Amino acid sequence: MQLSVWRDLQGPIYSELLDSKVRINALFYTQQLDRLAEAVRQKRPDKTKIILQHDNAKHAAKLTKAKIQEVGWEVGASRE
């Protein structure tokens, strides 16, 4: 099993328990971003500016970049 957790300074916002056979490709990642965006709207309705901090290579895909732009978020600098 894999646990995918999305959080901010206040704590967890969204999580998914995934089968270990699930491959997290750009399409799956963008679908997760849609679910995350909905969770952010519900749990943090006062937040107008979201900066996504992530280290995965999945964010480099054109599909993922387009999704991040679609939901109106920015990407923070990598910590690497």
PDB file of N, CA and C in Angstrom:
ATOM      1  N   MET A   1       0.835  -1.184   0.000  1.00  0.00           N
ATOM      2  CA  MET A   1       0.000   0.000   0.000  1.00  0.00           C
ATOM      3  C   MET A   1       0.883   1.251   0.000  1.00  0.00           C
ATOM      4  N   GLN A   2       0.337   2.302  -0.575  1.00  0.00           N
ATOM      5  CA  GLN A   2       1.002   3.600  -0.588  1.00  0.00           C
ATOM      6  C   GLN A   2       0.038   4.623   0.020  1.00  0.00           C
ATOM      7  N   LEU A   3       0.571   5.560   0.743  1.00  0.00           N
ATOM      8  CA  LEU A   3      -0.247   6.630   1.295  1.00  0.00           C
ATOM      9  C   LEU A   3       0.197   7.944   0.666  1.00  0.00           C
ATOM     10  N   SER A   4      -0.729   8.613   0.046  1.00  0.00           N
ATOM     11  CA  SER A   4      -0.470   9.916  -0.558  1.00  0.00           C
ATOM     12  C   SER A   4      -1.147  10.959   0.325  1.00  0.00           C
ATOM     13  N   VAL A   5      -0.358  11.878   0.879  1.00  0.00           N
ATOM     14  CA  VAL A   5      -0.887  12.875   1.812  1.00  0.00           C
ATOM     15  C   VAL A   5      -0.551  14.277   1.308  1.00  0.00           C
ATOM     16  N   TRP A   6      -1.547  15.138   1.317  1.00  0.00           N
ATOM     17  CA  TRP A   6      -1.386  16.537   0.946  1.00  0.00           C
ATOM     18  C   TRP A   6      -1.735  17.361   2.175  1.00  0.00           C
ATOM     19  N   ARG A   7      -0.860  18.295   2.544  1.00  0.00           N
ATOM     20  CA  ARG A   7      -1.072  19.049   3.779  1.00  0.00           C
ATOM     21  C   ARG A   7      -0.595  20.482   3.610  1.00  0.00           C
ATOM     22  N   ASP A   8      -0.968  21.309   4.566  1.00  0.00           N
ATOM     23  CA  ASP A   8      -0.429  22.659   4.663  1.00  0.00           C
ATOM     24  C   ASP A   8       0.029  22.866   6.101  1.00  0.00           C
ATOM     25  N   LEU A   9       0.326  24.095   6.467  1.00  0.00           N
ATOM     26  CA  LEU A   9       0.818  24.364   7.819  1.00  0.00           C
ATOM     27  C   LEU A   9      -0.205  24.047   8.906  1.00  0.00           C
ATOM     28  N   GLN A  10      -1.470  24.013   8.546  1.00  0.00           N
ATOM     29  CA  GLN A  10      -2.524  23.715   9.518  1.00  0.00           C
ATOM     30  C   GLN A  10      -2.758  22.215   9.687  1.00  0.00           C
ATOM     31  N   GLY A  11      -2.223  21.404   8.788  1.00  0.00           N
ATOM     32  CA  GLY A  11      -2.408  19.958   8.889  1.00  0.00           C
ATOM     33  C   GLY A  11      -2.864  19.341   7.582  1.00  0.00           C
ATOM     34  N   PRO A  12      -3.262  18.068   7.632  1.00  0.00           N
ATOM     35  CA  PRO A  12      -3.671  17.350   6.420  1.00  0.00           C
ATOM     36  C   PRO A  12      -4.895  17.991   5.760  1.00  0.00           C
ATOM     37  N   ILE A  13      -4.875  17.998   4.426  1.00  0.00           N
ATOM     38  CA  ILE A  13      -6.007  18.495   3.651  1.00  0.00           C
ATOM     39  C   ILE A  13      -6.665  17.343   2.905  1.00  0.00           C
ATOM     40  N   TYR A  14      -5.851  16.475   2.338  1.00  0.00           N
ATOM     41  CA  TYR A  14      -6.381  15.373   1.530  1.00  0.00           C
ATOM     42  C   TYR A  14      -5.399  14.212   1.587  1.00  0.00           C
ATOM     43  N   SER A  15      -5.935  12.999   1.622  1.00  0.00           N
ATOM     44  CA  SER A  15      -5.070  11.818   1.574  1.00  0.00           C
ATOM     45  C   SER A  15      -5.777  10.705   0.823  1.00  0.00           C
ATOM     46  N   GLU A  16      -4.983   9.809   0.270  1.00  0.00           N
ATOM     47  CA  GLU A  16      -5.489   8.645  -0.451  1.00  0.00           C
ATOM     48  C   GLU A  16      -4.625   7.453  -0.098  1.00  0.00           C
ATOM     49  N   LEU A  17      -5.266   6.328   0.147  1.00  0.00           N
ATOM     50  CA  LEU A  17      -4.557   5.074   0.332  1.00  0.00           C
ATOM     51  C   LEU A  17      -4.599   4.354  -1.003  1.00  0.00           C
ATOM     52  N   LEU A  18      -3.431   4.091  -1.565  1.00  0.00           N
ATOM     53  CA  LEU A  18      -3.334   3.516  -2.905  1.00  0.00           C
ATOM     54  C   LEU A  18      -2.791   2.098  -2.850  1.00  0.00           C
ATOM     55  N   ASP A  19      -3.272   1.284  -3.751  1.00  0.00           N
ATOM     56  CA  ASP A  19      -2.719  -0.051  -3.909  1.00  0.00           C
ATOM     57  C   ASP A  19      -1.260   0.086  -4.338  1.00  0.00           C
ATOM     58  N   SER A  20      -0.433  -0.817  -3.904  1.00  0.00           N
ATOM     59  CA  SER A  20       1.000  -0.735  -4.231  1.00  0.00           C
ATOM     60  C   SER A  20       1.258  -0.880  -5.728  1.00  0.00           C
ATOM     61  N   LYS A  21       0.282  -1.380  -6.475  1.00  0.00           N
ATOM     62  CA  LYS A  21       0.453  -1.551  -7.925  1.00  0.00           C
ATOM     63  C   LYS A  21       0.113  -0.285  -8.710  1.00  0.00           C
ATOM     64  N   VAL A  22      -0.445   0.705  -8.047  1.00  0.00           N
ATOM     65  CA  VAL A  22      -0.808   1.951  -8.726  1.00  0.00           C
ATOM     66  C   VAL A  22       0.456   2.682  -9.151  1.00  0.00           C
ATOM     67  N   ARG A  23       0.496   3.057 -10.427  1.00  0.00           N
ATOM     68  CA  ARG A  23       1.614   3.852 -10.943  1.00  0.00           C
ATOM     69  C   ARG A  23       1.169   5.304 -10.980  1.00  0.00           C
ATOM     70  N   ILE A  24       1.943   6.143 -10.346  1.00  0.00           N
ATOM     71  CA  ILE A  24       1.584   7.560 -10.304  1.00  0.00           C
ATOM     72  C   ILE A  24       2.246   8.255 -11.491  1.00  0.00           C
ATOM     73  N   ASN A  25       1.484   8.311 -12.589  1.00  0.00           N
ATOM     74  CA  ASN A  25       1.956   9.001 -13.784  1.00  0.00           C
ATOM     75  C   ASN A  25       1.293  10.379 -13.846  1.00  0.00           C
ATOM     76  N   ALA A  26       1.553  11.107 -14.908  1.00  0.00           N
ATOM     77  CA  ALA A  26       1.031  12.476 -15.010  1.00  0.00           C
ATOM     78  C   ALA A  26      -0.491  12.505 -14.985  1.00  0.00           C
ATOM     79  N   LEU A  27      -1.146  11.559 -15.653  1.00  0.00           N
ATOM     80  CA  LEU A  27      -2.608  11.537 -15.673  1.00  0.00           C
ATOM     81  C   LEU A  27      -3.164  11.295 -14.269  1.00  0.00           C
ATOM     82  N   PHE A  28      -2.635  10.308 -13.573  1.00  0.00           N
ATOM     83  CA  PHE A  28      -3.094  10.022 -12.210  1.00  0.00           C
ATOM     84  C   PHE A  28      -2.837  11.226 -11.306  1.00  0.00           C
ATOM     85  N   TYR A  29      -1.665  11.832 -11.448  1.00  0.00           N
ATOM     86  CA  TYR A  29      -1.291  12.980 -10.612  1.00  0.00           C
ATOM     87  C   TYR A  29      -2.246  14.154 -10.825  1.00  0.00           C
ATOM     88  N   THR A  30      -2.614  14.423 -12.083  1.00  0.00           N
ATOM     89  CA  THR A  30      -3.542  15.529 -12.345  1.00  0.00           C
ATOM     90  C   THR A  30      -4.928  15.223 -11.784  1.00  0.00           C
ATOM     91  N   GLN A  31      -5.322  13.956 -11.801  1.00  0.00           N
ATOM     92  CA  GLN A  31      -6.600  13.579 -11.195  1.00  0.00           C
ATOM     93  C   GLN A  31      -6.545  13.799  -9.684  1.00  0.00           C
ATOM     94  N   GLN A  32      -5.411  13.495  -9.084  1.00  0.00           N
ATOM     95  CA  GLN A  32      -5.236  13.769  -7.653  1.00  0.00           C
ATOM     96  C   GLN A  32      -5.307  15.272  -7.386  1.00  0.00           C
ATOM     97  N   LEU A  33      -4.708  16.067  -8.265  1.00  0.00           N
ATOM     98  CA  LEU A  33      -4.747  17.521  -8.087  1.00  0.00           C
ATOM     99  C   LEU A  33      -6.179  18.043  -8.126  1.00  0.00           C
ATOM    100  N   ASP A  34      -7.026  17.445  -8.984  1.00  0.00           N
ATOM    101  CA  ASP A  34      -8.443  17.830  -9.002  1.00  0.00           C
ATOM    102  C   ASP A  34      -9.100  17.541  -7.657  1.00  0.00           C
ATOM    103  N   ARG A  35      -8.836  16.351  -7.112  1.00  0.00           N
ATOM    104  CA  ARG A  35      -9.419  15.987  -5.816  1.00  0.00           C
ATOM    105  C   ARG A  35      -8.860  16.878  -4.703  1.00  0.00           C
ATOM    106  N   LEU A  36      -7.579  17.186  -4.787  1.00  0.00           N
ATOM    107  CA  LEU A  36      -6.962  18.086  -3.815  1.00  0.00           C
ATOM    108  C   LEU A  36      -7.571  19.481  -3.900  1.00  0.00           C
ATOM    109  N   ALA A  37      -7.760  19.984  -5.112  1.00  0.00           N
ATOM    110  CA  ALA A  37      -8.337  21.322  -5.288  1.00  0.00           C
ATOM    111  C   ALA A  37      -9.721  21.399  -4.651  1.00  0.00           C
ATOM    112  N   GLU A  38     -10.519  20.350  -4.810  1.00  0.00           N
ATOM    113  CA  GLU A  38     -11.845  20.322  -4.188  1.00  0.00           C
ATOM    114  C   GLU A  38     -11.724  20.309  -2.666  1.00  0.00           C
ATOM    115  N   ALA A  39     -10.792  19.523  -2.142  1.00  0.00           N
ATOM    116  CA  ALA A  39     -10.581  19.467  -0.690  1.00  0.00           C
ATOM    117  C   ALA A  39     -10.126  20.824  -0.152  1.00  0.00           C
ATOM    118  N   VAL A  40      -9.270  21.516  -0.894  1.00  0.00           N
ATOM    119  CA  VAL A  40      -8.811  22.854  -0.477  1.00  0.00           C
ATOM    120  C   VAL A  40      -9.994  23.816  -0.441  1.00  0.00           C
ATOM    121  N   ARG A  41     -10.851  23.770  -1.473  1.00  0.00           N
ATOM    122  CA  ARG A  41     -12.030  24.654  -1.498  1.00  0.00           C
ATOM    123  C   ARG A  41     -12.939  24.404  -0.292  1.00  0.00           C
ATOM    124  N   GLN A  42     -13.069  23.140   0.103  1.00  0.00           N
ATOM    125  CA  GLN A  42     -13.945  22.800   1.229  1.00  0.00           C
ATOM    126  C   GLN A  42     -13.302  23.106   2.582  1.00  0.00           C
ATOM    127  N   LYS A  43     -12.030  22.769   2.735  1.00  0.00           N
ATOM    128  CA  LYS A  43     -11.380  22.878   4.043  1.00  0.00           C
ATOM    129  C   LYS A  43     -10.679  24.208   4.291  1.00  0.00           C
ATOM    130  N   ARG A  44     -10.304  24.900   3.232  1.00  0.00           N
ATOM    131  CA  ARG A  44      -9.606  26.184   3.363  1.00  0.00           C
ATOM    132  C   ARG A  44     -10.258  27.217   2.442  1.00  0.00           C
ATOM    133  N   PRO A  45     -11.558  27.471   2.604  1.00  0.00           N
ATOM    134  CA  PRO A  45     -12.266  28.363   1.681  1.00  0.00           C
ATOM    135  C   PRO A  45     -11.741  29.798   1.684  1.00  0.00           C
ATOM    136  N   ASP A  46     -11.049  30.196   2.739  1.00  0.00           N
ATOM    137  CA  ASP A  46     -10.523  31.560   2.828  1.00  0.00           C
ATOM    138  C   ASP A  46      -9.197  31.731   2.094  1.00  0.00           C
ATOM    139  N   LYS A  47      -8.599  30.647   1.650  1.00  0.00           N
ATOM    140  CA  LYS A  47      -7.302  30.720   0.965  1.00  0.00           C
ATOM    141  C   LYS A  47      -7.504  31.099  -0.498  1.00  0.00           C
ATOM    142  N   THR A  48      -6.882  32.197  -0.902  1.00  0.00           N
ATOM    143  CA  THR A  48      -7.004  32.643  -2.288  1.00  0.00           C
ATOM    144  C   THR A  48      -5.733  32.403  -3.085  1.00  0.00           C
ATOM    145  N   LYS A  49      -4.612  32.238  -2.400  1.00  0.00           N
ATOM    146  CA  LYS A  49      -3.350  31.994  -3.094  1.00  0.00           C
ATOM    147  C   LYS A  49      -2.758  30.683  -2.578  1.00  0.00           C
ATOM    148  N   ILE A  50      -2.611  29.733  -3.479  1.00  0.00           N
ATOM    149  CA  ILE A  50      -2.054  28.428  -3.132  1.00  0.00           C
ATOM    150  C   ILE A  50      -0.715  28.281  -3.839  1.00  0.00           C
ATOM    151  N   ILE A  51       0.315  27.934  -3.088  1.00  0.00           N
ATOM    152  CA  ILE A  51       1.627  27.638  -3.663  1.00  0.00           C
ATOM    153  C   ILE A  51       1.898  26.165  -3.402  1.00  0.00           C
ATOM    154  N   LEU A  52       1.977  25.399  -4.462  1.00  0.00           N
ATOM    155  CA  LEU A  52       2.171  23.959  -4.374  1.00  0.00           C
ATOM    156  C   LEU A  52       3.659  23.650  -4.274  1.00  0.00           C
ATOM    157  N   GLN A  53       4.041  22.968  -3.222  1.00  0.00           N
ATOM    158  CA  GLN A  53       5.438  22.559  -3.021  1.00  0.00           C
ATOM    159  C   GLN A  53       5.496  21.053  -3.208  1.00  0.00           C
ATOM    160  N   HIS A  54       6.175  20.611  -4.243  1.00  0.00           N
ATOM    161  CA  HIS A  54       6.306  19.171  -4.464  1.00  0.00           C
ATOM    162  C   HIS A  54       7.643  18.861  -5.107  1.00  0.00           C
ATOM    163  N   ASP A  55       8.117  17.645  -4.862  1.00  0.00           N
ATOM    164  CA  ASP A  55       9.443  17.253  -5.328  1.00  0.00           C
ATOM    165  C   ASP A  55       9.412  16.177  -6.408  1.00  0.00           C
ATOM    166  N   ASN A  56       8.241  15.677  -6.741  1.00  0.00           N
ATOM    167  CA  ASN A  56       8.147  14.586  -7.708  1.00  0.00           C
ATOM    168  C   ASN A  56       8.404  15.058  -9.126  1.00  0.00           C
ATOM    169  N   ALA A  57       8.897  14.171  -9.948  1.00  0.00           N
ATOM    170  CA  ALA A  57       9.109  14.471 -11.363  1.00  0.00           C
ATOM    171  C   ALA A  57       7.782  14.643 -12.091  1.00  0.00           C
ATOM    172  N   LYS A  58       6.688  14.130 -11.528  1.00  0.00           N
ATOM    173  CA  LYS A  58       5.387  14.196 -12.186  1.00  0.00           C
ATOM    174  C   LYS A  58       4.963  15.632 -12.480  1.00  0.00           C
ATOM    175  N   HIS A  59       5.448  16.579 -11.689  1.00  0.00           N
ATOM    176  CA  HIS A  59       5.036  17.961 -11.903  1.00  0.00           C
ATOM    177  C   HIS A  59       5.640  18.554 -13.165  1.00  0.00           C
ATOM    178  N   ALA A  60       6.641  17.915 -13.748  1.00  0.00           N
ATOM    179  CA  ALA A  60       7.296  18.450 -14.936  1.00  0.00           C
ATOM    180  C   ALA A  60       6.510  18.153 -16.211  1.00  0.00           C
ATOM    181  N   ALA A  61       5.579  17.218 -16.155  1.00  0.00           N
ATOM    182  CA  ALA A  61       4.802  16.864 -17.337  1.00  0.00           C
ATOM    183  C   ALA A  61       3.923  18.040 -17.765  1.00  0.00           C
ATOM    184  N   LYS A  62       3.765  18.203 -19.082  1.00  0.00           N
ATOM    185  CA  LYS A  62       2.937  19.292 -19.606  1.00  0.00           C
ATOM    186  C   LYS A  62       1.513  19.213 -19.071  1.00  0.00           C
ATOM    187  N   LEU A  63       0.980  17.997 -18.984  1.00  0.00           N
ATOM    188  CA  LEU A  63      -0.375  17.795 -18.484  1.00  0.00           C
ATOM    189  C   LEU A  63      -0.513  18.311 -17.054  1.00  0.00           C
ATOM    190  N   THR A  64       0.478  18.018 -16.233  1.00  0.00           N
ATOM    191  CA  THR A  64       0.446  18.451 -14.838  1.00  0.00           C
ATOM    192  C   THR A  64       0.593  19.964 -14.731  1.00  0.00           C
ATOM    193  N   LYS A  65       1.497  20.537 -15.506  1.00  0.00           N
ATOM    194  CA  LYS A  65       1.663  21.994 -15.488  1.00  0.00           C
ATOM    195  C   LYS A  65       0.369  22.692 -15.887  1.00  0.00           C
ATOM    196  N   ALA A  66      -0.312  22.140 -16.895  1.00  0.00           N
ATOM    197  CA  ALA A  66      -1.579  22.721 -17.341  1.00  0.00           C
ATOM    198  C   ALA A  66      -2.635  22.637 -16.242  1.00  0.00           C
ATOM    199  N   LYS A  67      -2.679  21.512 -15.516  1.00  0.00           N
ATOM    200  CA  LYS A  67      -3.662  21.346 -14.438  1.00  0.00           C
ATOM    201  C   LYS A  67      -3.391  22.340 -13.306  1.00  0.00           C
ATOM    202  N   ILE A  68      -2.131  22.511 -12.938  1.00  0.00           N
ATOM    203  CA  ILE A  68      -1.782  23.452 -11.867  1.00  0.00           C
ATOM    204  C   ILE A  68      -2.200  24.866 -12.262  1.00  0.00           C
ATOM    205  N   GLN A  69      -1.990  25.209 -13.517  1.00  0.00           N
ATOM    206  CA  GLN A  69      -2.404  26.522 -14.004  1.00  0.00           C
ATOM    207  C   GLN A  69      -3.931  26.630 -14.011  1.00  0.00           C
ATOM    208  N   GLU A  70      -4.606  25.546 -14.412  1.00  0.00           N
ATOM    209  CA  GLU A  70      -6.074  25.535 -14.465  1.00  0.00           C
ATOM    210  C   GLU A  70      -6.703  25.804 -13.096  1.00  0.00           C
ATOM    211  N   VAL A  71      -6.143  25.212 -12.051  1.00  0.00           N
ATOM    212  CA  VAL A  71      -6.711  25.419 -10.711  1.00  0.00           C
ATOM    213  C   VAL A  71      -6.228  26.720 -10.072  1.00  0.00           C
ATOM    214  N   GLY A  72      -5.325  27.430 -10.754  1.00  0.00           N
ATOM    215  CA  GLY A  72      -4.908  28.750 -10.292  1.00  0.00           C
ATOM    216  C   GLY A  72      -3.846  28.762  -9.214  1.00  0.00           C
ATOM    217  N   TRP A  73      -3.043  27.712  -9.158  1.00  0.00           N
ATOM    218  CA  TRP A  73      -2.000  27.627  -8.145  1.00  0.00           C
ATOM    219  C   TRP A  73      -0.652  28.023  -8.725  1.00  0.00           C
ATOM    220  N   GLU A  74       0.301  28.283  -7.845  1.00  0.00           N
ATOM    221  CA  GLU A  74       1.692  28.517  -8.222  1.00  0.00           C
ATOM    222  C   GLU A  74       2.505  27.323  -7.743  1.00  0.00           C
ATOM    223  N   VAL A  75       3.679  27.141  -8.319  1.00  0.00           N
ATOM    224  CA  VAL A  75       4.584  26.086  -7.863  1.00  0.00           C
ATOM    225  C   VAL A  75       5.735  26.743  -7.135  1.00  0.00           C
ATOM    226  N   GLY A  76       5.974  26.304  -5.908  1.00  0.00           N
ATOM    227  CA  GLY A  76       7.086  26.816  -5.118  1.00  0.00           C
ATOM    228  C   GLY A  76       8.394  26.215  -5.584  1.00  0.00           C
ATOM    229  N   ALA A  77       9.482  26.833  -5.227  1.00  0.00           N
ATOM    230  CA  ALA A  77      10.811  26.328  -5.584  1.00  0.00           C
ATOM    231  C   ALA A  77      11.050  24.980  -4.925  1.00  0.00           C
ATOM    232  N   SER A  78      11.715  24.109  -5.641  1.00  0.00           N
ATOM    233  CA  SER A  78      12.042  22.785  -5.110  1.00  0.00           C
ATOM    234  C   SER A  78      13.025  22.917  -3.964  1.00  0.00           C
ATOM    235  N   ARG A  79      12.899  22.030  -2.983  1.00  0.00           N
ATOM    236  CA  ARG A  79      13.803  22.054  -1.838  1.00  0.00           C
ATOM    237  C   ARG A  79      15.070  21.271  -2.112  1.00  0.00           C
ATOM    238  N   GLU A  80      15.201  20.717  -3.285  1.00  0.00           N
ATOM    239  CA  GLU A  80      16.390  19.918  -3.618  1.00  0.00           C
ATOM    240  C   GLU A  80      17.590  20.789  -3.872  1.00  0.00           C
TER     241      GLU A  80
END
